[in-house]
Amino acid sequence: MNTSLKLTTLRGALVGLAACAATVGAFPAFAATGFGVAAPTVHVRYDDLNLQTDAGTQALYRRITRAARTVCPDPDSRELAVRIESEHCQATAIAKAVNDVNSPKLAQLYAAAHASRG
């Protein structure tokens, strides 16, 4: 069982999403975005968490969201385009990480958090 994730920014292209999907595991700290530019990546460990419990699942979700804020552009920028890109980047990175973990409890938590924003 893989007990760490790799979150990578997906700036602007689905090509980046495909490249990011290939990076889960023990690969270098940067993944190609499809544009010849390295995308920042962060590992999220969860081998210390029990994903069968609500507490463990919530802790992992917090780690994932914190990591997404780390690898995505500054969400507090004065530039609207940068803020929009940051929100999109974070949402995409979180969704991909939740999918990569393949935990029904984590997927449920993600769905509930996502529904409360809409």
PDB file of N, CA and C in Angstrom:
ATOM      1  N   MET A   1       0.832  -1.179   0.000  1.00  0.00           N
ATOM      2  CA  MET A   1       0.000   0.000   0.000  1.00  0.00           C
ATOM      3  C   MET A   1       0.877   1.243   0.000  1.00  0.00           C
ATOM      4  N   ASN A   2       0.622   2.125  -0.929  1.00  0.00           N
ATOM      5  CA  ASN A   2       1.355   3.383  -1.003  1.00  0.00           C
ATOM      6  C   ASN A   2       0.825   4.311   0.079  1.00  0.00           C
ATOM      7  N   THR A   3       1.699   4.819   0.924  1.00  0.00           N
ATOM      8  CA  THR A   3       1.251   5.668   2.020  1.00  0.00           C
ATOM      9  C   THR A   3       1.779   7.090   1.910  1.00  0.00           C
ATOM     10  N   SER A   4       2.020   7.533   0.693  1.00  0.00           N
ATOM     11  CA  SER A   4       2.315   8.943   0.477  1.00  0.00           C
ATOM     12  C   SER A   4       1.775   9.344  -0.882  1.00  0.00           C
ATOM     13  N   LEU A   5       1.434  10.605  -0.985  1.00  0.00           N
ATOM     14  CA  LEU A   5       0.926  11.168  -2.228  1.00  0.00           C
ATOM     15  C   LEU A   5       1.920  12.170  -2.732  1.00  0.00           C
ATOM     16  N   LYS A   6       1.791  12.514  -3.955  1.00  0.00           N
ATOM     17  CA  LYS A   6       2.590  13.589  -4.518  1.00  0.00           C
ATOM     18  C   LYS A   6       1.618  14.553  -5.169  1.00  0.00           C
ATOM     19  N   LEU A   7       1.519  15.763  -4.639  1.00  0.00           N
ATOM     20  CA  LEU A   7       0.678  16.789  -5.233  1.00  0.00           C
ATOM     21  C   LEU A   7       1.542  17.659  -6.122  1.00  0.00           C
ATOM     22  N   THR A   8       1.080  17.865  -7.326  1.00  0.00           N
ATOM     23  CA  THR A   8       1.807  18.655  -8.314  1.00  0.00           C
ATOM     24  C   THR A   8       0.872  19.710  -8.869  1.00  0.00           C
ATOM     25  N   THR A   9       1.376  20.913  -9.087  1.00  0.00           N
ATOM     26  CA  THR A   9       0.525  21.934  -9.684  1.00  0.00           C
ATOM     27  C   THR A   9       0.202  21.549 -11.113  1.00  0.00           C
ATOM     28  N   LEU A  10      -0.957  21.965 -11.547  1.00  0.00           N
ATOM     29  CA  LEU A  10      -1.427  21.610 -12.886  1.00  0.00           C
ATOM     30  C   LEU A  10      -1.750  22.887 -13.648  1.00  0.00           C
ATOM     31  N   ARG A  11      -0.799  23.750 -13.761  1.00  0.00           N
ATOM     32  CA  ARG A  11      -1.020  25.076 -14.335  1.00  0.00           C
ATOM     33  C   ARG A  11      -1.468  25.022 -15.777  1.00  0.00           C
ATOM     34  N   GLY A  12      -2.775  25.155 -15.941  1.00  0.00           N
ATOM     35  CA  GLY A  12      -3.343  25.485 -17.225  1.00  0.00           C
ATOM     36  C   GLY A  12      -3.535  24.407 -18.258  1.00  0.00           C
ATOM     37  N   ALA A  13      -3.172  23.133 -18.018  1.00  0.00           N
ATOM     38  CA  ALA A  13      -3.310  22.181 -19.119  1.00  0.00           C
ATOM     39  C   ALA A  13      -3.649  20.794 -18.627  1.00  0.00           C
ATOM     40  N   LEU A  14      -4.461  20.103 -19.384  1.00  0.00           N
ATOM     41  CA  LEU A  14      -4.763  18.709 -19.065  1.00  0.00           C
ATOM     42  C   LEU A  14      -3.546  17.828 -19.296  1.00  0.00           C
ATOM     43  N   VAL A  15      -2.644  18.277 -20.143  1.00  0.00           N
ATOM     44  CA  VAL A  15      -1.396  17.549 -20.351  1.00  0.00           C
ATOM     45  C   VAL A  15      -0.661  17.444 -19.023  1.00  0.00           C
ATOM     46  N   GLY A  16      -0.710  18.502 -18.253  1.00  0.00           N
ATOM     47  CA  GLY A  16      -0.098  18.501 -16.931  1.00  0.00           C
ATOM     48  C   GLY A  16      -0.750  17.475 -16.032  1.00  0.00           C
ATOM     49  N   LEU A  17      -2.056  17.302 -16.137  1.00  0.00           N
ATOM     50  CA  LEU A  17      -2.759  16.311 -15.335  1.00  0.00           C
ATOM     51  C   LEU A  17      -2.257  14.912 -15.655  1.00  0.00           C
ATOM     52  N   ALA A  18      -2.059  14.615 -16.912  1.00  0.00           N
ATOM     53  CA  ALA A  18      -1.538  13.303 -17.298  1.00  0.00           C
ATOM     54  C   ALA A  18      -0.129  13.103 -16.763  1.00  0.00           C
ATOM     55  N   ALA A  19       0.691  14.130 -16.854  1.00  0.00           N
ATOM     56  CA  ALA A  19       2.054  14.041 -16.329  1.00  0.00           C
ATOM     57  C   ALA A  19       2.039  13.858 -14.828  1.00  0.00           C
ATOM     58  N   CYS A  20       1.135  14.558 -14.155  1.00  0.00           N
ATOM     59  CA  CYS A  20       1.026  14.460 -12.702  1.00  0.00           C
ATOM     60  C   CYS A  20       0.602  13.057 -12.293  1.00  0.00           C
ATOM     61  N   ALA A  21      -0.320  12.469 -13.013  1.00  0.00           N
ATOM     62  CA  ALA A  21      -0.789  11.134 -12.675  1.00  0.00           C
ATOM     63  C   ALA A  21       0.353  10.130 -12.707  1.00  0.00           C
ATOM     64  N   ALA A  22       1.307  10.367 -13.561  1.00  0.00           N
ATOM     65  CA  ALA A  22       2.446   9.462 -13.667  1.00  0.00           C
ATOM     66  C   ALA A  22       3.461   9.666 -12.555  1.00  0.00           C
ATOM     67  N   THR A  23       3.309  10.729 -11.760  1.00  0.00           N
ATOM     68  CA  THR A  23       4.321  11.020 -10.746  1.00  0.00           C
ATOM     69  C   THR A  23       4.033  10.404  -9.387  1.00  0.00           C
ATOM     70  N   VAL A  24       2.866   9.834  -9.165  1.00  0.00           N
ATOM     71  CA  VAL A  24       2.575   9.260  -7.859  1.00  0.00           C
ATOM     72  C   VAL A  24       3.512   8.087  -7.624  1.00  0.00           C
ATOM     73  N   GLY A  25       4.224   8.122  -6.541  1.00  0.00           N
ATOM     74  CA  GLY A  25       5.212   7.111  -6.228  1.00  0.00           C
ATOM     75  C   GLY A  25       6.533   7.767  -5.920  1.00  0.00           C
ATOM     76  N   ALA A  26       7.588   7.043  -6.068  1.00  0.00           N
ATOM     77  CA  ALA A  26       8.920   7.561  -5.707  1.00  0.00           C
ATOM     78  C   ALA A  26       9.644   8.063  -6.942  1.00  0.00           C
ATOM     79  N   PHE A  27       9.299   9.248  -7.384  1.00  0.00           N
ATOM     80  CA  PHE A  27       9.926   9.876  -8.526  1.00  0.00           C
ATOM     81  C   PHE A  27      10.556  11.179  -8.080  1.00  0.00           C
ATOM     82  N   PRO A  28      11.290  11.854  -8.944  1.00  0.00           N
ATOM     83  CA  PRO A  28      11.901  13.125  -8.554  1.00  0.00           C
ATOM     84  C   PRO A  28      10.867  14.128  -8.053  1.00  0.00           C
ATOM     85  N   ALA A  29      11.342  15.158  -7.380  1.00  0.00           N
ATOM     86  CA  ALA A  29      10.465  16.121  -6.731  1.00  0.00           C
ATOM     87  C   ALA A  29       9.751  17.053  -7.702  1.00  0.00           C
ATOM     88  N   PHE A  30      10.049  16.987  -8.967  1.00  0.00           N
ATOM     89  CA  PHE A  30       9.351  17.816  -9.942  1.00  0.00           C
ATOM     90  C   PHE A  30       8.827  16.937 -11.064  1.00  0.00           C
ATOM     91  N   ALA A  31       7.674  17.330 -11.594  1.00  0.00           N
ATOM     92  CA  ALA A  31       7.064  16.598 -12.703  1.00  0.00           C
ATOM     93  C   ALA A  31       6.917  17.551 -13.875  1.00  0.00           C
ATOM     94  N   ALA A  32       7.063  17.038 -15.065  1.00  0.00           N
ATOM     95  CA  ALA A  32       6.911  17.880 -16.252  1.00  0.00           C
ATOM     96  C   ALA A  32       5.456  18.275 -16.413  1.00  0.00           C
ATOM     97  N   THR A  33       5.217  19.500 -16.808  1.00  0.00           N
ATOM     98  CA  THR A  33       3.856  19.972 -17.013  1.00  0.00           C
ATOM     99  C   THR A  33       3.402  19.800 -18.446  1.00  0.00           C
ATOM    100  N   GLY A  34       4.282  19.397 -19.314  1.00  0.00           N
ATOM    101  CA  GLY A  34       3.927  19.294 -20.716  1.00  0.00           C
ATOM    102  C   GLY A  34       4.394  20.516 -21.485  1.00  0.00           C
ATOM    103  N   PHE A  35       4.917  21.511 -20.790  1.00  0.00           N
ATOM    104  CA  PHE A  35       5.401  22.725 -21.425  1.00  0.00           C
ATOM    105  C   PHE A  35       6.888  22.906 -21.197  1.00  0.00           C
ATOM    106  N   GLY A  36       7.577  21.877 -20.759  1.00  0.00           N
ATOM    107  CA  GLY A  36       9.002  21.951 -20.522  1.00  0.00           C
ATOM    108  C   GLY A  36       9.351  22.667 -19.227  1.00  0.00           C
ATOM    109  N   VAL A  37       8.357  22.948 -18.392  1.00  0.00           N
ATOM    110  CA  VAL A  37       8.572  23.636 -17.131  1.00  0.00           C
ATOM    111  C   VAL A  37       8.257  22.664 -15.997  1.00  0.00           C
ATOM    112  N   ALA A  38       9.134  22.634 -15.005  1.00  0.00           N
ATOM    113  CA  ALA A  38       8.900  21.750 -13.868  1.00  0.00           C
ATOM    114  C   ALA A  38       7.809  22.335 -12.982  1.00  0.00           C
ATOM    115  N   ALA A  39       6.902  21.482 -12.523  1.00  0.00           N
ATOM    116  CA  ALA A  39       5.828  21.921 -11.634  1.00  0.00           C
ATOM    117  C   ALA A  39       6.182  21.548 -10.204  1.00  0.00           C
ATOM    118  N   PRO A  40       5.982  22.456  -9.268  1.00  0.00           N
ATOM    119  CA  PRO A  40       6.277  22.140  -7.870  1.00  0.00           C
ATOM    120  C   PRO A  40       5.472  20.943  -7.383  1.00  0.00           C
ATOM    121  N   THR A  41       6.083  20.135  -6.564  1.00  0.00           N
ATOM    122  CA  THR A  41       5.470  18.918  -6.046  1.00  0.00           C
ATOM    123  C   THR A  41       5.760  18.811  -4.564  1.00  0.00           C
ATOM    124  N   VAL A  42       4.816  18.271  -3.823  1.00  0.00           N
ATOM    125  CA  VAL A  42       5.036  18.034  -2.400  1.00  0.00           C
ATOM    126  C   VAL A  42       4.501  16.646  -2.050  1.00  0.00           C
ATOM    127  N   HIS A  43       5.234  15.926  -1.216  1.00  0.00           N
ATOM    128  CA  HIS A  43       4.799  14.610  -0.752  1.00  0.00           C
ATOM    129  C   HIS A  43       3.880  14.788   0.449  1.00  0.00           C
ATOM    130  N   VAL A  44       2.822  14.003   0.493  1.00  0.00           N
ATOM    131  CA  VAL A  44       1.913  14.000   1.633  1.00  0.00           C
ATOM    132  C   VAL A  44       1.924  12.585   2.203  1.00  0.00           C
ATOM    133  N   ARG A  45       2.509  12.451   3.379  1.00  0.00           N
ATOM    134  CA  ARG A  45       2.581  11.131   4.026  1.00  0.00           C
ATOM    135  C   ARG A  45       1.324  10.898   4.847  1.00  0.00           C
ATOM    136  N   TYR A  46       0.912   9.636   4.879  1.00  0.00           N
ATOM    137  CA  TYR A  46      -0.215   9.295   5.742  1.00  0.00           C
ATOM    138  C   TYR A  46      -0.088   7.905   6.333  1.00  0.00           C
ATOM    139  N   ASP A  47       1.148   7.407   6.396  1.00  0.00           N
ATOM    140  CA  ASP A  47       1.361   6.090   6.977  1.00  0.00           C
ATOM    141  C   ASP A  47       1.101   6.064   8.479  1.00  0.00           C
ATOM    142  N   ASP A  48       1.036   7.241   9.100  1.00  0.00           N
ATOM    143  CA  ASP A  48       0.766   7.327  10.529  1.00  0.00           C
ATOM    144  C   ASP A  48      -0.730   7.467  10.830  1.00  0.00           C
ATOM    145  N   LEU A  49      -1.566   7.471   9.791  1.00  0.00           N
ATOM    146  CA  LEU A  49      -2.999   7.684   9.974  1.00  0.00           C
ATOM    147  C   LEU A  49      -3.797   6.415   9.714  1.00  0.00           C
ATOM    148  N   ASN A  50      -4.879   6.259  10.440  1.00  0.00           N
ATOM    149  CA  ASN A  50      -5.809   5.163  10.210  1.00  0.00           C
ATOM    150  C   ASN A  50      -6.978   5.732   9.412  1.00  0.00           C
ATOM    151  N   LEU A  51      -7.039   5.398   8.133  1.00  0.00           N
ATOM    152  CA  LEU A  51      -8.075   5.961   7.266  1.00  0.00           C
ATOM    153  C   LEU A  51      -9.423   5.274   7.447  1.00  0.00           C
ATOM    154  N   GLN A  52      -9.496   4.342   8.385  1.00  0.00           N
ATOM    155  CA  GLN A  52     -10.777   3.722   8.721  1.00  0.00           C
ATOM    156  C   GLN A  52     -11.525   4.548   9.764  1.00  0.00           C
ATOM    157  N   THR A  53     -10.839   5.551  10.328  1.00  0.00           N
ATOM    158  CA  THR A  53     -11.461   6.405  11.342  1.00  0.00           C
ATOM    159  C   THR A  53     -11.731   7.786  10.773  1.00  0.00           C
ATOM    160  N   ASP A  54     -12.725   8.460  11.362  1.00  0.00           N
ATOM    161  CA  ASP A  54     -13.016   9.832  10.940  1.00  0.00           C
ATOM    162  C   ASP A  54     -11.832  10.745  11.226  1.00  0.00           C
ATOM    163  N   ALA A  55     -11.200  10.567  12.379  1.00  0.00           N
ATOM    164  CA  ALA A  55     -10.068  11.427  12.747  1.00  0.00           C
ATOM    165  C   ALA A  55      -8.914  11.266  11.767  1.00  0.00           C
ATOM    166  N   GLY A  56      -8.601  10.044  11.391  1.00  0.00           N
ATOM    167  CA  GLY A  56      -7.518   9.803  10.438  1.00  0.00           C
ATOM    168  C   GLY A  56      -7.823  10.373   9.067  1.00  0.00           C
ATOM    169  N   THR A  57      -9.054  10.203   8.633  1.00  0.00           N
ATOM    170  CA  THR A  57      -9.472  10.722   7.333  1.00  0.00           C
ATOM    171  C   THR A  57      -9.443  12.244   7.316  1.00  0.00           C
ATOM    172  N   GLN A  58      -9.923  12.869   8.378  1.00  0.00           N
ATOM    173  CA  GLN A  58      -9.919  14.327   8.462  1.00  0.00           C
ATOM    174  C   GLN A  58      -8.494  14.872   8.505  1.00  0.00           C
ATOM    175  N   ALA A  59      -7.617  14.180   9.215  1.00  0.00           N
ATOM    176  CA  ALA A  59      -6.214  14.616   9.283  1.00  0.00           C
ATOM    177  C   ALA A  59      -5.578  14.567   7.888  1.00  0.00           C
ATOM    178  N   LEU A  60      -5.835  13.489   7.141  1.00  0.00           N
ATOM    179  CA  LEU A  60      -5.273  13.394   5.796  1.00  0.00           C
ATOM    180  C   LEU A  60      -5.849  14.486   4.892  1.00  0.00           C
ATOM    181  N   TYR A  61      -7.128  14.749   4.984  1.00  0.00           N
ATOM    182  CA  TYR A  61      -7.729  15.790   4.153  1.00  0.00           C
ATOM    183  C   TYR A  61      -7.101  17.146   4.455  1.00  0.00           C
ATOM    184  N   ARG A  62      -6.853  17.426   5.727  1.00  0.00           N
ATOM    185  CA  ARG A  62      -6.183  18.693   6.090  1.00  0.00           C
ATOM    186  C   ARG A  62      -4.779  18.739   5.500  1.00  0.00           C
ATOM    187  N   ARG A  63      -4.062  17.619   5.552  1.00  0.00           N
ATOM    188  CA  ARG A  63      -2.711  17.579   4.977  1.00  0.00           C
ATOM    189  C   ARG A  63      -2.753  17.832   3.478  1.00  0.00           C
ATOM    190  N   ILE A  64      -3.715  17.213   2.808  1.00  0.00           N
ATOM    191  CA  ILE A  64      -3.846  17.373   1.355  1.00  0.00           C
ATOM    192  C   ILE A  64      -4.148  18.831   1.010  1.00  0.00           C
ATOM    193  N   THR A  65      -5.089  19.449   1.717  1.00  0.00           N
ATOM    194  CA  THR A  65      -5.436  20.837   1.410  1.00  0.00           C
ATOM    195  C   THR A  65      -4.273  21.778   1.722  1.00  0.00           C
ATOM    196  N   ARG A  66      -3.541  21.496   2.787  1.00  0.00           N
ATOM    197  CA  ARG A  66      -2.360  22.313   3.123  1.00  0.00           C
ATOM    198  C   ARG A  66      -1.306  22.176   2.028  1.00  0.00           C
ATOM    199  N   ALA A  67      -1.098  20.957   1.557  1.00  0.00           N
ATOM    200  CA  ALA A  67      -0.116  20.720   0.492  1.00  0.00           C
ATOM    201  C   ALA A  67      -0.534  21.415  -0.796  1.00  0.00           C
ATOM    202  N   ALA A  68      -1.819  21.397  -1.106  1.00  0.00           N
ATOM    203  CA  ALA A  68      -2.305  22.063  -2.319  1.00  0.00           C
ATOM    204  C   ALA A  68      -2.040  23.566  -2.244  1.00  0.00           C
ATOM    205  N   ARG A  69      -2.220  24.160  -1.073  1.00  0.00           N
ATOM    206  CA  ARG A  69      -1.926  25.592  -0.915  1.00  0.00           C
ATOM    207  C   ARG A  69      -0.425  25.852  -1.098  1.00  0.00           C
ATOM    208  N   THR A  70       0.395  24.873  -0.737  1.00  0.00           N
ATOM    209  CA  THR A  70       1.841  25.025  -0.858  1.00  0.00           C
ATOM    210  C   THR A  70       2.301  25.012  -2.316  1.00  0.00           C
ATOM    211  N   VAL A  71       1.737  24.134  -3.129  1.00  0.00           N
ATOM    212  CA  VAL A  71       2.221  23.975  -4.503  1.00  0.00           C
ATOM    213  C   VAL A  71       1.526  24.871  -5.521  1.00  0.00           C
ATOM    214  N   CYS A  72       0.438  25.509  -5.127  1.00  0.00           N
ATOM    215  CA  CYS A  72      -0.301  26.356  -6.062  1.00  0.00           C
ATOM    216  C   CYS A  72       0.094  27.819  -5.896  1.00  0.00           C
ATOM    217  N   PRO A  73      -0.213  28.650  -6.924  1.00  0.00           N
ATOM    218  CA  PRO A  73       0.136  30.072  -6.847  1.00  0.00           C
ATOM    219  C   PRO A  73      -0.508  30.733  -5.628  1.00  0.00           C
ATOM    220  N   ASP A  74      -0.006  31.890  -5.280  1.00  0.00           N
ATOM    221  CA  ASP A  74      -0.459  32.636  -4.107  1.00  0.00           C
ATOM    222  C   ASP A  74      -1.944  32.995  -4.208  1.00  0.00           C
ATOM    223  N   PRO A  75      -2.793  32.434  -3.313  1.00  0.00           N
ATOM    224  CA  PRO A  75      -4.220  32.731  -3.381  1.00  0.00           C
ATOM    225  C   PRO A  75      -4.559  34.137  -2.882  1.00  0.00           C
ATOM    226  N   ASP A  76      -3.610  34.814  -2.255  1.00  0.00           N
ATOM    227  CA  ASP A  76      -3.845  36.154  -1.723  1.00  0.00           C
ATOM    228  C   ASP A  76      -3.316  37.252  -2.643  1.00  0.00           C
ATOM    229  N   SER A  77      -3.010  36.890  -3.864  1.00  0.00           N
ATOM    230  CA  SER A  77      -2.492  37.860  -4.819  1.00  0.00           C
ATOM    231  C   SER A  77      -3.535  38.943  -5.088  1.00  0.00           C
ATOM    232  N   ARG A  78      -3.061  40.110  -5.420  1.00  0.00           N
ATOM    233  CA  ARG A  78      -3.966  41.203  -5.797  1.00  0.00           C
ATOM    234  C   ARG A  78      -4.501  40.997  -7.216  1.00  0.00           C
ATOM    235  N   GLU A  79      -3.829  40.163  -7.986  1.00  0.00           N
ATOM    236  CA  GLU A  79      -4.240  39.931  -9.371  1.00  0.00           C
ATOM    237  C   GLU A  79      -5.331  38.869  -9.416  1.00  0.00           C
ATOM    238  N   LEU A  80      -6.467  39.226  -9.984  1.00  0.00           N
ATOM    239  CA  LEU A  80      -7.605  38.324 -10.067  1.00  0.00           C
ATOM    240  C   LEU A  80      -7.251  37.039 -10.802  1.00  0.00           C
ATOM    241  N   ALA A  81      -6.505  37.139 -11.879  1.00  0.00           N
ATOM    242  CA  ALA A  81      -6.135  35.957 -12.664  1.00  0.00           C
ATOM    243  C   ALA A  81      -5.311  34.978 -11.828  1.00  0.00           C
ATOM    244  N   VAL A  82      -4.429  35.487 -10.992  1.00  0.00           N
ATOM    245  CA  VAL A  82      -3.604  34.621 -10.139  1.00  0.00           C
ATOM    246  C   VAL A  82      -4.473  33.947  -9.090  1.00  0.00           C
ATOM    247  N   ARG A  83      -5.421  34.687  -8.514  1.00  0.00           N
ATOM    248  CA  ARG A  83      -6.321  34.091  -7.510  1.00  0.00           C
ATOM    249  C   ARG A  83      -7.184  33.005  -8.134  1.00  0.00           C
ATOM    250  N   ILE A  84      -7.690  33.254  -9.332  1.00  0.00           N
ATOM    251  CA  ILE A  84      -8.516  32.256 -10.024  1.00  0.00           C
ATOM    252  C   ILE A  84      -7.674  31.022 -10.338  1.00  0.00           C
ATOM    253  N   GLU A  85      -6.462  31.240 -10.824  1.00  0.00           N
ATOM    254  CA  GLU A  85      -5.564  30.119 -11.129  1.00  0.00           C
ATOM    255  C   GLU A  85      -5.264  29.320  -9.864  1.00  0.00           C
ATOM    256  N   SER A  86      -5.052  30.001  -8.756  1.00  0.00           N
ATOM    257  CA  SER A  86      -4.763  29.335  -7.497  1.00  0.00           C
ATOM    258  C   SER A  86      -5.933  28.466  -7.052  1.00  0.00           C
ATOM    259  N   GLU A  87      -7.134  29.010  -7.116  1.00  0.00           N
ATOM    260  CA  GLU A  87      -8.320  28.238  -6.724  1.00  0.00           C
ATOM    261  C   GLU A  87      -8.482  27.001  -7.602  1.00  0.00           C
ATOM    262  N   HIS A  88      -8.292  27.187  -8.901  1.00  0.00           N
ATOM    263  CA  HIS A  88      -8.413  26.053  -9.831  1.00  0.00           C
ATOM    264  C   HIS A  88      -7.321  25.015  -9.554  1.00  0.00           C
ATOM    265  N   CYS A  89      -6.113  25.485  -9.364  1.00  0.00           N
ATOM    266  CA  CYS A  89      -4.981  24.605  -9.086  1.00  0.00           C
ATOM    267  C   CYS A  89      -5.230  23.795  -7.816  1.00  0.00           C
ATOM    268  N   GLN A  90      -5.652  24.467  -6.752  1.00  0.00           N
ATOM    269  CA  GLN A  90      -5.898  23.777  -5.486  1.00  0.00           C
ATOM    270  C   GLN A  90      -7.021  22.752  -5.628  1.00  0.00           C
ATOM    271  N   ALA A  91      -8.109  23.138  -6.267  1.00  0.00           N
ATOM    272  CA  ALA A  91      -9.236  22.221  -6.439  1.00  0.00           C
ATOM    273  C   ALA A  91      -8.823  20.986  -7.229  1.00  0.00           C
ATOM    274  N   THR A  92      -8.054  21.189  -8.287  1.00  0.00           N
ATOM    275  CA  THR A  92      -7.606  20.070  -9.117  1.00  0.00           C
ATOM    276  C   THR A  92      -6.638  19.168  -8.363  1.00  0.00           C
ATOM    277  N   ALA A  93      -5.682  19.764  -7.647  1.00  0.00           N
ATOM    278  CA  ALA A  93      -4.700  18.978  -6.897  1.00  0.00           C
ATOM    279  C   ALA A  93      -5.374  18.179  -5.788  1.00  0.00           C
ATOM    280  N   ILE A  94      -6.324  18.791  -5.086  1.00  0.00           N
ATOM    281  CA  ILE A  94      -7.026  18.088  -4.003  1.00  0.00           C
ATOM    282  C   ILE A  94      -7.844  16.936  -4.566  1.00  0.00           C
ATOM    283  N   ALA A  95      -8.587  17.187  -5.632  1.00  0.00           N
ATOM    284  CA  ALA A  95      -9.408  16.131  -6.237  1.00  0.00           C
ATOM    285  C   ALA A  95      -8.548  14.962  -6.695  1.00  0.00           C
ATOM    286  N   LYS A  96      -7.416  15.262  -7.306  1.00  0.00           N
ATOM    287  CA  LYS A  96      -6.534  14.196  -7.778  1.00  0.00           C
ATOM    288  C   LYS A  96      -5.955  13.405  -6.615  1.00  0.00           C
ATOM    289  N   ALA A  97      -5.538  14.090  -5.565  1.00  0.00           N
ATOM    290  CA  ALA A  97      -4.962  13.406  -4.401  1.00  0.00           C
ATOM    291  C   ALA A  97      -5.999  12.511  -3.731  1.00  0.00           C
ATOM    292  N   VAL A  98      -7.220  13.014  -3.571  1.00  0.00           N
ATOM    293  CA  VAL A  98      -8.284  12.216  -2.961  1.00  0.00           C
ATOM    294  C   VAL A  98      -8.522  10.970  -3.808  1.00  0.00           C
ATOM    295  N   ASN A  99      -8.556  11.134  -5.112  1.00  0.00           N
ATOM    296  CA  ASN A  99      -8.744   9.992  -6.008  1.00  0.00           C
ATOM    297  C   ASN A  99      -7.587   8.997  -5.899  1.00  0.00           C
ATOM    298  N   ASP A 100      -6.365   9.502  -5.806  1.00  0.00           N
ATOM    299  CA  ASP A 100      -5.182   8.640  -5.730  1.00  0.00           C
ATOM    300  C   ASP A 100      -5.157   7.794  -4.460  1.00  0.00           C
ATOM    301  N   VAL A 101      -5.670   8.325  -3.357  1.00  0.00           N
ATOM    302  CA  VAL A 101      -5.685   7.574  -2.101  1.00  0.00           C
ATOM    303  C   VAL A 101      -6.652   6.399  -2.189  1.00  0.00           C
ATOM    304  N   ASN A 102      -7.741   6.581  -2.928  1.00  0.00           N
ATOM    305  CA  ASN A 102      -8.716   5.518  -3.139  1.00  0.00           C
ATOM    306  C   ASN A 102      -9.317   5.037  -1.815  1.00  0.00           C
ATOM    307  N   SER A 103      -9.735   5.979  -0.986  1.00  0.00           N
ATOM    308  CA  SER A 103     -10.371   5.685   0.299  1.00  0.00           C
ATOM    309  C   SER A 103     -11.817   6.169   0.243  1.00  0.00           C
ATOM    310  N   PRO A 104     -12.779   5.275   0.433  1.00  0.00           N
ATOM    311  CA  PRO A 104     -14.184   5.707   0.420  1.00  0.00           C
ATOM    312  C   PRO A 104     -14.491   6.781   1.462  1.00  0.00           C
ATOM    313  N   LYS A 105     -13.916   6.674   2.649  1.00  0.00           N
ATOM    314  CA  LYS A 105     -14.162   7.678   3.695  1.00  0.00           C
ATOM    315  C   LYS A 105     -13.595   9.035   3.292  1.00  0.00           C
ATOM    316  N   LEU A 106     -12.412   9.041   2.682  1.00  0.00           N
ATOM    317  CA  LEU A 106     -11.819  10.296   2.239  1.00  0.00           C
ATOM    318  C   LEU A 106     -12.639  10.882   1.096  1.00  0.00           C
ATOM    319  N   ALA A 107     -13.098  10.057   0.187  1.00  0.00           N
ATOM    320  CA  ALA A 107     -13.928  10.530  -0.925  1.00  0.00           C
ATOM    321  C   ALA A 107     -15.232  11.129  -0.402  1.00  0.00           C
ATOM    322  N   GLN A 108     -15.801  10.525   0.630  1.00  0.00           N
ATOM    323  CA  GLN A 108     -17.021  11.042   1.246  1.00  0.00           C
ATOM    324  C   GLN A 108     -16.774  12.410   1.888  1.00  0.00           C
ATOM    325  N   LEU A 109     -15.671  12.523   2.601  1.00  0.00           N
ATOM    326  CA  LEU A 109     -15.314  13.791   3.237  1.00  0.00           C
ATOM    327  C   LEU A 109     -15.095  14.873   2.184  1.00  0.00           C
ATOM    328  N   TYR A 110     -14.400  14.530   1.123  1.00  0.00           N
ATOM    329  CA  TYR A 110     -14.155  15.466   0.024  1.00  0.00           C
ATOM    330  C   TYR A 110     -15.475  15.912  -0.597  1.00  0.00           C
ATOM    331  N   ALA A 111     -16.375  14.970  -0.863  1.00  0.00           N
ATOM    332  CA  ALA A 111     -17.666  15.297  -1.474  1.00  0.00           C
ATOM    333  C   ALA A 111     -18.462  16.236  -0.565  1.00  0.00           C
ATOM    334  N   ALA A 112     -18.443  15.983   0.726  1.00  0.00           N
ATOM    335  CA  ALA A 112     -19.181  16.829   1.665  1.00  0.00           C
ATOM    336  C   ALA A 112     -18.563  18.241   1.711  1.00  0.00           C
ATOM    337  N   ALA A 113     -17.247  18.332   1.717  1.00  0.00           N
ATOM    338  CA  ALA A 113     -16.581  19.633   1.749  1.00  0.00           C
ATOM    339  C   ALA A 113     -16.836  20.383   0.454  1.00  0.00           C
ATOM    340  N   HIS A 114     -16.797  19.674  -0.651  1.00  0.00           N
ATOM    341  CA  HIS A 114     -17.012  20.293  -1.958  1.00  0.00           C
ATOM    342  C   HIS A 114     -18.453  20.771  -2.119  1.00  0.00           C
ATOM    343  N   ALA A 115     -19.400  19.995  -1.621  1.00  0.00           N
ATOM    344  CA  ALA A 115     -20.830  20.351  -1.728  1.00  0.00           C
ATOM    345  C   ALA A 115     -21.142  21.591  -0.906  1.00  0.00           C
ATOM    346  N   SER A 116     -20.453  21.761   0.212  1.00  0.00           N
ATOM    347  CA  SER A 116     -20.737  22.911   1.075  1.00  0.00           C
ATOM    348  C   SER A 116     -20.236  24.223   0.457  1.00  0.00           C
ATOM    349  N   ARG A 117     -19.358  24.132  -0.533  1.00  0.00           N
ATOM    350  CA  ARG A 117     -18.843  25.335  -1.206  1.00  0.00           C
ATOM    351  C   ARG A 117     -19.772  25.794  -2.326  1.00  0.00           C
ATOM    352  N   GLY A 118     -20.538  24.845  -2.865  1.00  0.00           N
ATOM    353  CA  GLY A 118     -21.364  25.167  -4.032  1.00  0.00           C
ATOM    354  C   GLY A 118     -22.597  25.837  -3.673  1.00  0.00           C
TER     355      GLY A 118
END
